[in-house]
Amino acid sequence: MAAKKRTVGCVKVNRNGKWDVQLQGQNKPASSHRLKTAAVKRGRRLAKTSVPSQVRGKVQASNEYH
């Protein structure tokens, strides 16, 4: 049986200074937040519901769920 493809999410700052949670292959963000902590929390929740997955930040953090 083939392994399930890993879902990758990214937390980054947009042009308006908000924090976006964007899933790989999507043009629009899954969510947008005023605070980075809220964006990271949402990104982790999304990742945990689509295992295997990974949430990436700029350089600060990378979380993988198996």
PDB file of N, CA and C in Angstrom:
ATOM      1  N   MET A   1       0.844  -1.173   0.000  1.00  0.00           N
ATOM      2  CA  MET A   1       0.000   0.000   0.000  1.00  0.00           C
ATOM      3  C   MET A   1       0.895   1.244   0.000  1.00  0.00           C
ATOM      4  N   ALA A   2       0.560   2.214  -0.830  1.00  0.00           N
ATOM      5  CA  ALA A   2       1.353   3.446  -0.937  1.00  0.00           C
ATOM      6  C   ALA A   2       1.149   4.318   0.298  1.00  0.00           C
ATOM      7  N   ALA A   3       2.203   4.990   0.690  1.00  0.00           N
ATOM      8  CA  ALA A   3       2.135   5.892   1.843  1.00  0.00           C
ATOM      9  C   ALA A   3       1.293   7.112   1.483  1.00  0.00           C
ATOM     10  N   LYS A   4       0.547   7.592   2.454  1.00  0.00           N
ATOM     11  CA  LYS A   4      -0.266   8.783   2.258  1.00  0.00           C
ATOM     12  C   LYS A   4       0.645   9.992   2.098  1.00  0.00           C
ATOM     13  N   LYS A   5       0.314  10.871   1.147  1.00  0.00           N
ATOM     14  CA  LYS A   5       1.127  12.058   0.900  1.00  0.00           C
ATOM     15  C   LYS A   5       1.042  13.015   2.086  1.00  0.00           C
ATOM     16  N   ARG A   6       2.182  13.560   2.466  1.00  0.00           N
ATOM     17  CA  ARG A   6       2.264  14.493   3.594  1.00  0.00           C
ATOM     18  C   ARG A   6       1.624  15.832   3.234  1.00  0.00           C
ATOM     19  N   THR A   7       0.771  16.336   4.110  1.00  0.00           N
ATOM     20  CA  THR A   7       0.183  17.659   3.974  1.00  0.00           C
ATOM     21  C   THR A   7       1.113  18.655   4.648  1.00  0.00           C
ATOM     22  N   VAL A   8       1.445  19.723   3.947  1.00  0.00           N
ATOM     23  CA  VAL A   8       2.344  20.731   4.510  1.00  0.00           C
ATOM     24  C   VAL A   8       1.595  22.046   4.651  1.00  0.00           C
ATOM     25  N   GLY A   9       1.660  22.617   5.843  1.00  0.00           N
ATOM     26  CA  GLY A   9       1.070  23.916   6.100  1.00  0.00           C
ATOM     27  C   GLY A   9       2.169  24.901   6.460  1.00  0.00           C
ATOM     28  N   CYS A  10       1.965  26.158   6.129  1.00  0.00           N
ATOM     29  CA  CYS A  10       2.968  27.181   6.380  1.00  0.00           C
ATOM     30  C   CYS A  10       2.317  28.361   7.097  1.00  0.00           C
ATOM     31  N   VAL A  11       2.976  28.888   8.111  1.00  0.00           N
ATOM     32  CA  VAL A  11       2.518  30.080   8.813  1.00  0.00           C
ATOM     33  C   VAL A  11       3.451  31.206   8.413  1.00  0.00           C
ATOM     34  N   LYS A  12       2.884  32.274   7.838  1.00  0.00           N
ATOM     35  CA  LYS A  12       3.716  33.385   7.372  1.00  0.00           C
ATOM     36  C   LYS A  12       2.961  34.704   7.472  1.00  0.00           C
ATOM     37  N   VAL A  13       3.694  35.801   7.427  1.00  0.00           N
ATOM     38  CA  VAL A  13       3.108  37.140   7.484  1.00  0.00           C
ATOM     39  C   VAL A  13       2.696  37.555   6.077  1.00  0.00           C
ATOM     40  N   ASN A  14       1.471  38.094   5.952  1.00  0.00           N
ATOM     41  CA  ASN A  14       1.034  38.590   4.648  1.00  0.00           C
ATOM     42  C   ASN A  14       1.332  40.086   4.513  1.00  0.00           C
ATOM     43  N   ARG A  15       0.959  40.660   3.398  1.00  0.00           N
ATOM     44  CA  ARG A  15       1.259  42.084   3.140  1.00  0.00           C
ATOM     45  C   ARG A  15       0.540  43.033   4.090  1.00  0.00           C
ATOM     46  N   ASN A  16      -0.556  42.588   4.688  1.00  0.00           N
ATOM     47  CA  ASN A  16      -1.311  43.437   5.612  1.00  0.00           C
ATOM     48  C   ASN A  16      -0.838  43.302   7.055  1.00  0.00           C
ATOM     49  N   GLY A  17       0.227  42.527   7.270  1.00  0.00           N
ATOM     50  CA  GLY A  17       0.765  42.355   8.606  1.00  0.00           C
ATOM     51  C   GLY A  17       0.051  41.301   9.438  1.00  0.00           C
ATOM     52  N   LYS A  18      -0.862  40.551   8.812  1.00  0.00           N
ATOM     53  CA  LYS A  18      -1.539  39.462   9.515  1.00  0.00           C
ATOM     54  C   LYS A  18      -0.796  38.162   9.272  1.00  0.00           C
ATOM     55  N   TRP A  19      -1.049  37.184  10.130  1.00  0.00           N
ATOM     56  CA  TRP A  19      -0.421  35.869  10.026  1.00  0.00           C
ATOM     57  C   TRP A  19      -1.368  34.921   9.312  1.00  0.00           C
ATOM     58  N   ASP A  20      -0.916  34.359   8.194  1.00  0.00           N
ATOM     59  CA  ASP A  20      -1.722  33.437   7.402  1.00  0.00           C
ATOM     60  C   ASP A  20      -1.281  31.998   7.625  1.00  0.00           C
ATOM     61  N   VAL A  21      -2.257  31.093   7.629  1.00  0.00           N
ATOM     62  CA  VAL A  21      -2.004  29.657   7.628  1.00  0.00           C
ATOM     63  C   VAL A  21      -2.373  29.197   6.222  1.00  0.00           C
ATOM     64  N   GLN A  22      -1.392  28.736   5.481  1.00  0.00           N
ATOM     65  CA  GLN A  22      -1.626  28.346   4.098  1.00  0.00           C
ATOM     66  C   GLN A  22      -1.233  26.898   3.881  1.00  0.00           C
ATOM     67  N   LEU A  23      -2.123  26.136   3.258  1.00  0.00           N
ATOM     68  CA  LEU A  23      -1.850  24.736   2.961  1.00  0.00           C
ATOM     69  C   LEU A  23      -1.196  24.628   1.599  1.00  0.00           C
ATOM     70  N   GLN A  24      -0.279  23.703   1.472  1.00  0.00           N
ATOM     71  CA  GLN A  24       0.448  23.492   0.225  1.00  0.00           C
ATOM     72  C   GLN A  24      -0.537  23.234  -0.910  1.00  0.00           C
ATOM     73  N   GLY A  25      -0.312  23.913  -2.033  1.00  0.00           N
ATOM     74  CA  GLY A  25      -1.142  23.730  -3.213  1.00  0.00           C
ATOM     75  C   GLY A  25      -2.392  24.592  -3.247  1.00  0.00           C
ATOM     76  N   GLN A  26      -2.656  25.348  -2.194  1.00  0.00           N
ATOM     77  CA  GLN A  26      -3.827  26.218  -2.135  1.00  0.00           C
ATOM     78  C   GLN A  26      -3.422  27.658  -2.436  1.00  0.00           C
ATOM     79  N   ASN A  27      -4.260  28.366  -3.190  1.00  0.00           N
ATOM     80  CA  ASN A  27      -3.973  29.763  -3.516  1.00  0.00           C
ATOM     81  C   ASN A  27      -4.350  30.710  -2.385  1.00  0.00           C
ATOM     82  N   LYS A  28      -5.412  30.395  -1.676  1.00  0.00           N
ATOM     83  CA  LYS A  28      -5.886  31.253  -0.589  1.00  0.00           C
ATOM     84  C   LYS A  28      -5.505  30.644   0.757  1.00  0.00           C
ATOM     85  N   PRO A  29      -5.261  31.487   1.757  1.00  0.00           N
ATOM     86  CA  PRO A  29      -4.941  30.974   3.092  1.00  0.00           C
ATOM     87  C   PRO A  29      -6.125  30.208   3.692  1.00  0.00           C
ATOM     88  N   ALA A  30      -5.831  29.196   4.491  1.00  0.00           N
ATOM     89  CA  ALA A  30      -6.871  28.459   5.209  1.00  0.00           C
ATOM     90  C   ALA A  30      -7.470  29.342   6.299  1.00  0.00           C
ATOM     91  N   SER A  31      -6.636  30.219   6.864  1.00  0.00           N
ATOM     92  CA  SER A  31      -7.100  31.179   7.867  1.00  0.00           C
ATOM     93  C   SER A  31      -6.095  32.315   7.984  1.00  0.00           C
ATOM     94  N   SER A  32      -6.556  33.437   8.549  1.00  0.00           N
ATOM     95  CA  SER A  32      -5.713  34.611   8.732  1.00  0.00           C
ATOM     96  C   SER A  32      -5.928  35.127  10.159  1.00  0.00           C
ATOM     97  N   HIS A  33      -4.842  35.527  10.829  1.00  0.00           N
ATOM     98  CA  HIS A  33      -4.916  35.880  12.246  1.00  0.00           C
ATOM     99  C   HIS A  33      -4.116  37.145  12.542  1.00  0.00           C
ATOM    100  N   ARG A  34      -4.577  37.895  13.522  1.00  0.00           N
ATOM    101  CA  ARG A  34      -3.877  39.094  13.950  1.00  0.00           C
ATOM    102  C   ARG A  34      -2.614  38.728  14.722  1.00  0.00           C
ATOM    103  N   LEU A  35      -2.672  37.636  15.504  1.00  0.00           N
ATOM    104  CA  LEU A  35      -1.538  37.211  16.324  1.00  0.00           C
ATOM    105  C   LEU A  35      -0.887  35.946  15.770  1.00  0.00           C
ATOM    106  N   LYS A  36       0.432  35.900  15.846  1.00  0.00           N
ATOM    107  CA  LYS A  36       1.172  34.733  15.384  1.00  0.00           C
ATOM    108  C   LYS A  36       0.799  33.489  16.186  1.00  0.00           C
ATOM    109  N   THR A  37       0.636  33.635  17.485  1.00  0.00           N
ATOM    110  CA  THR A  37       0.311  32.478  18.323  1.00  0.00           C
ATOM    111  C   THR A  37      -1.005  31.831  17.899  1.00  0.00           C
ATOM    112  N   ALA A  38      -1.974  32.645  17.512  1.00  0.00           N
ATOM    113  CA  ALA A  38      -3.257  32.112  17.052  1.00  0.00           C
ATOM    114  C   ALA A  38      -3.087  31.366  15.729  1.00  0.00           C
ATOM    115  N   ALA A  39      -2.259  31.893  14.843  1.00  0.00           N
ATOM    116  CA  ALA A  39      -2.017  31.244  13.548  1.00  0.00           C
ATOM    117  C   ALA A  39      -1.309  29.910  13.734  1.00  0.00           C
ATOM    118  N   VAL A  40      -0.325  29.867  14.608  1.00  0.00           N
ATOM    119  CA  VAL A  40       0.403  28.622  14.861  1.00  0.00           C
ATOM    120  C   VAL A  40      -0.537  27.584  15.475  1.00  0.00           C
ATOM    121  N   LYS A  41      -1.364  28.001  16.406  1.00  0.00           N
ATOM    122  CA  LYS A  41      -2.320  27.089  17.041  1.00  0.00           C
ATOM    123  C   LYS A  41      -3.273  26.502  15.999  1.00  0.00           C
ATOM    124  N   ARG A  42      -3.782  27.341  15.106  1.00  0.00           N
ATOM    125  CA  ARG A  42      -4.694  26.878  14.054  1.00  0.00           C
ATOM    126  C   ARG A  42      -3.967  25.945  13.084  1.00  0.00           C
ATOM    127  N   GLY A  43      -2.733  26.290  12.731  1.00  0.00           N
ATOM    128  CA  GLY A  43      -1.943  25.441  11.842  1.00  0.00           C
ATOM    129  C   GLY A  43      -1.704  24.066  12.431  1.00  0.00           C
ATOM    130  N   ARG A  44      -1.419  24.009  13.713  1.00  0.00           N
ATOM    131  CA  ARG A  44      -1.217  22.723  14.388  1.00  0.00           C
ATOM    132  C   ARG A  44      -2.504  21.900  14.410  1.00  0.00           C
ATOM    133  N   ARG A  45      -3.647  22.572  14.667  1.00  0.00           N
ATOM    134  CA  ARG A  45      -4.922  21.848  14.668  1.00  0.00           C
ATOM    135  C   ARG A  45      -5.216  21.266  13.289  1.00  0.00           C
ATOM    136  N   LEU A  46      -4.973  22.047  12.238  1.00  0.00           N
ATOM    137  CA  LEU A  46      -5.177  21.548  10.869  1.00  0.00           C
ATOM    138  C   LEU A  46      -4.255  20.367  10.574  1.00  0.00           C
ATOM    139  N   ALA A  47      -3.009  20.476  10.997  1.00  0.00           N
ATOM    140  CA  ALA A  47      -2.034  19.414  10.736  1.00  0.00           C
ATOM    141  C   ALA A  47      -2.416  18.120  11.443  1.00  0.00           C
ATOM    142  N   LYS A  48      -2.876  18.228  12.660  1.00  0.00           N
ATOM    143  CA  LYS A  48      -3.232  17.030  13.425  1.00  0.00           C
ATOM    144  C   LYS A  48      -4.442  16.310  12.852  1.00  0.00           C
ATOM    145  N   THR A  49      -5.283  17.024  12.107  1.00  0.00           N
ATOM    146  CA  THR A  49      -6.460  16.390  11.508  1.00  0.00           C
ATOM    147  C   THR A  49      -6.170  15.789  10.144  1.00  0.00           C
ATOM    148  N   SER A  50      -4.985  16.007   9.599  1.00  0.00           N
ATOM    149  CA  SER A  50      -4.641  15.425   8.295  1.00  0.00           C
ATOM    150  C   SER A  50      -3.263  14.771   8.349  1.00  0.00           C
ATOM    151  N   VAL A  51      -3.127  13.802   9.234  1.00  0.00           N
ATOM    152  CA  VAL A  51      -1.883  13.061   9.435  1.00  0.00           C
ATOM    153  C   VAL A  51      -1.606  12.192   8.213  1.00  0.00           C
ATOM    154  N   PRO A  52      -0.408  12.021   7.682  1.00  0.00           N
ATOM    155  CA  PRO A  52       0.828  12.679   8.113  1.00  0.00           C
ATOM    156  C   PRO A  52       0.864  14.116   7.609  1.00  0.00           C
ATOM    157  N   SER A  53       1.400  14.988   8.404  1.00  0.00           N
ATOM    158  CA  SER A  53       1.427  16.403   8.045  1.00  0.00           C
ATOM    159  C   SER A  53       2.604  17.102   8.713  1.00  0.00           C
ATOM    160  N   GLN A  54       2.786  18.341   8.311  1.00  0.00           N
ATOM    161  CA  GLN A  54       3.886  19.133   8.847  1.00  0.00           C
ATOM    162  C   GLN A  54       3.485  20.598   8.801  1.00  0.00           C
ATOM    163  N   VAL A  55       3.809  21.340   9.849  1.00  0.00           N
ATOM    164  CA  VAL A  55       3.590  22.783   9.881  1.00  0.00           C
ATOM    165  C   VAL A  55       4.957  23.440   9.876  1.00  0.00           C
ATOM    166  N   ARG A  56       5.129  24.387   8.990  1.00  0.00           N
ATOM    167  CA  ARG A  56       6.417  25.073   8.899  1.00  0.00           C
ATOM    168  C   ARG A  56       6.261  26.548   9.213  1.00  0.00           C
ATOM    169  N   GLY A  57       7.210  27.059   9.951  1.00  0.00           N
ATOM    170  CA  GLY A  57       7.323  28.476  10.165  1.00  0.00           C
ATOM    171  C   GLY A  57       8.554  28.940   9.408  1.00  0.00           C
ATOM    172  N   LYS A  58       8.888  30.180   9.488  1.00  0.00           N
ATOM    173  CA  LYS A  58      10.042  30.701   8.753  1.00  0.00           C
ATOM    174  C   LYS A  58      11.308  29.940   9.129  1.00  0.00           C
ATOM    175  N   VAL A  59      11.890  30.198  10.265  1.00  0.00           N
ATOM    176  CA  VAL A  59      13.078  29.474  10.716  1.00  0.00           C
ATOM    177  C   VAL A  59      12.849  28.974  12.128  1.00  0.00           C
ATOM    178  N   GLN A  60      11.906  29.538  12.806  1.00  0.00           N
ATOM    179  CA  GLN A  60      11.716  29.315  14.223  1.00  0.00           C
ATOM    180  C   GLN A  60      11.257  27.909  14.589  1.00  0.00           C
ATOM    181  N   ALA A  61      10.380  27.298  13.772  1.00  0.00           N
ATOM    182  CA  ALA A  61       9.846  26.012  14.202  1.00  0.00           C
ATOM    183  C   ALA A  61       9.368  25.169  13.035  1.00  0.00           C
ATOM    184  N   SER A  62       9.407  23.870  13.243  1.00  0.00           N
ATOM    185  CA  SER A  62       8.846  22.909  12.302  1.00  0.00           C
ATOM    186  C   SER A  62       8.243  21.775  13.133  1.00  0.00           C
ATOM    187  N   ASN A  63       6.979  21.463  12.895  1.00  0.00           N
ATOM    188  CA  ASN A  63       6.288  20.417  13.646  1.00  0.00           C
ATOM    189  C   ASN A  63       5.822  19.338  12.691  1.00  0.00           C
ATOM    190  N   GLU A  64       6.109  18.080  12.997  1.00  0.00           N
ATOM    191  CA  GLU A  64       5.679  16.958  12.179  1.00  0.00           C
ATOM    192  C   GLU A  64       4.787  16.042  13.006  1.00  0.00           C
ATOM    193  N   TYR A  65       3.751  15.507  12.369  1.00  0.00           N
ATOM    194  CA  TYR A  65       2.830  14.580  13.019  1.00  0.00           C
ATOM    195  C   TYR A  65       2.739  13.323  12.196  1.00  0.00           C
ATOM    196  N   HIS A  66       2.916  12.146  12.830  1.00  0.00           N
ATOM    197  CA  HIS A  66       2.920  10.866  12.121  1.00  0.00           C
ATOM    198  C   HIS A  66       1.775  10.008  12.569  1.00  0.00           C
TER     199      HIS A  66
END
